[in-house]
């Protein structure tokens, strides 16, 4: 998960990522199953609450019910979920 401030917005990316460029083909199934989401939080507090649910509790992106502006999302595939590498 990455959170950065850009142009007055608290933007984020949450989802799968490869451990190394050379492993992209080996890790593609895991990355796809983890899903991903791009969006904007209204406050740092919401960012922390979201991160706790996603990273600590392991909730699927589509199951995290909290205010945020989602600009793009591919749902987490709960049937193929594996260990996270975020």
Protein backbone atom coordinates (compact mmCIF):
# COMPACT_ATOMS: atom_id res chain seq x y z
CA UNK A 1 0.00 0.00 0.00
CA UNK A 2 1.24 3.46 -0.94
CA UNK A 3 -0.20 6.76 0.32
CA UNK A 4 1.06 10.12 -0.99
CA UNK A 5 -0.14 13.71 -1.03
CA UNK A 6 -0.45 15.20 -4.52
CA UNK A 7 -2.12 18.47 -5.39
CA UNK A 8 -3.81 18.67 -2.01
CA UNK A 9 -5.21 15.12 -2.29
CA UNK A 10 -4.27 12.14 -0.15
CA UNK A 11 -3.94 9.56 -2.95
CA UNK A 12 -3.39 5.85 -2.45
CA UNK A 13 -2.70 2.55 -4.16
CA UNK A 14 -3.60 -0.68 -2.38
CA UNK A 15 -2.99 -4.10 -3.87
CA UNK A 16 -0.59 -6.70 -5.11
CA UNK A 17 2.90 -5.91 -6.28
CA UNK A 18 5.83 -8.01 -7.43
CA UNK A 19 8.74 -8.64 -5.09
CA UNK A 20 11.23 -7.95 -7.92
CA UNK A 21 11.00 -6.98 -11.59
CA UNK A 22 12.44 -10.33 -12.67
CA UNK A 23 9.62 -12.20 -10.86
CA UNK A 24 6.65 -10.53 -12.57
CA UNK A 25 5.73 -13.66 -14.54
CA UNK A 26 6.14 -15.93 -11.50
CA UNK A 27 3.97 -13.75 -9.27
CA UNK A 28 1.28 -12.64 -11.72
CA UNK A 29 -1.41 -15.01 -10.38
CA UNK A 30 -0.91 -13.80 -6.81
CA UNK A 31 -0.90 -10.15 -7.86
CA UNK A 32 -4.10 -10.62 -9.88
CA UNK A 33 -5.84 -12.43 -6.98
CA UNK A 34 -4.97 -9.67 -4.53
CA UNK A 35 -6.72 -7.08 -6.68
CA UNK A 36 -5.87 -3.40 -6.54
CA UNK A 37 -7.46 -0.04 -5.88
CA UNK A 38 -6.55 3.58 -6.64
CA UNK A 39 -8.28 6.45 -4.95
CA UNK A 40 -8.31 9.39 -2.56
CA UNK A 41 -8.84 9.60 1.21
CA UNK A 42 -10.38 12.65 2.84
CA UNK A 43 -8.04 12.48 5.86
CA UNK A 44 -5.00 10.69 7.27
CA UNK A 45 -7.29 9.05 9.86
CA UNK A 46 -9.29 7.35 7.09
CA UNK A 47 -6.06 6.25 5.42
CA UNK A 48 -4.87 4.58 8.64
CA UNK A 49 -8.23 2.88 9.23
CA UNK A 50 -8.26 1.57 5.64
CA UNK A 51 -4.65 0.33 5.91
CA UNK A 52 -5.44 -1.52 9.14
CA UNK A 53 -8.37 -3.33 7.54
CA UNK A 54 -6.52 -4.14 4.33
CA UNK A 55 -3.06 -5.00 5.64
CA UNK A 56 -3.66 -6.24 9.19
CA UNK A 57 -7.11 -7.82 8.98
CA UNK A 58 -6.62 -8.94 5.37
CA UNK A 59 -10.06 -7.77 4.25
CA UNK A 60 -10.85 -7.87 0.55
CA UNK A 61 -10.83 -4.42 -1.05
CA UNK A 62 -14.51 -4.61 -1.97
CA UNK A 63 -15.43 -5.50 1.64
CA UNK A 64 -13.83 -2.45 3.25
CA UNK A 65 -16.80 -0.22 4.00
CA UNK A 66 -15.45 3.24 4.67
CA UNK A 67 -15.55 6.63 2.95
CA UNK A 68 -13.08 7.10 0.12
CA UNK A 69 -13.11 8.17 -3.50
CA UNK A 70 -12.32 5.08 -5.56
CA UNK A 71 -10.99 5.99 -8.99
CA UNK A 72 -10.24 2.43 -10.11
CA UNK A 73 -10.58 -0.99 -8.53
CA UNK A 74 -10.16 -4.62 -9.43
CA UNK A 75 -11.83 -6.63 -6.67
CA UNK A 76 -9.84 -9.05 -4.54
CA UNK A 77 -10.46 -12.62 -5.70
CA UNK A 78 -11.36 -14.29 -2.39
CA UNK A 79 -11.36 -17.77 -3.95
CA UNK A 80 -7.67 -17.54 -4.96
CA UNK A 81 -6.32 -15.42 -2.15
CA UNK A 82 -2.73 -16.10 -1.09
CA UNK A 83 -0.15 -14.49 1.18
CA UNK A 84 0.18 -10.77 0.71
CA UNK A 85 3.26 -9.07 -0.59
CA UNK A 86 2.37 -5.40 -0.50
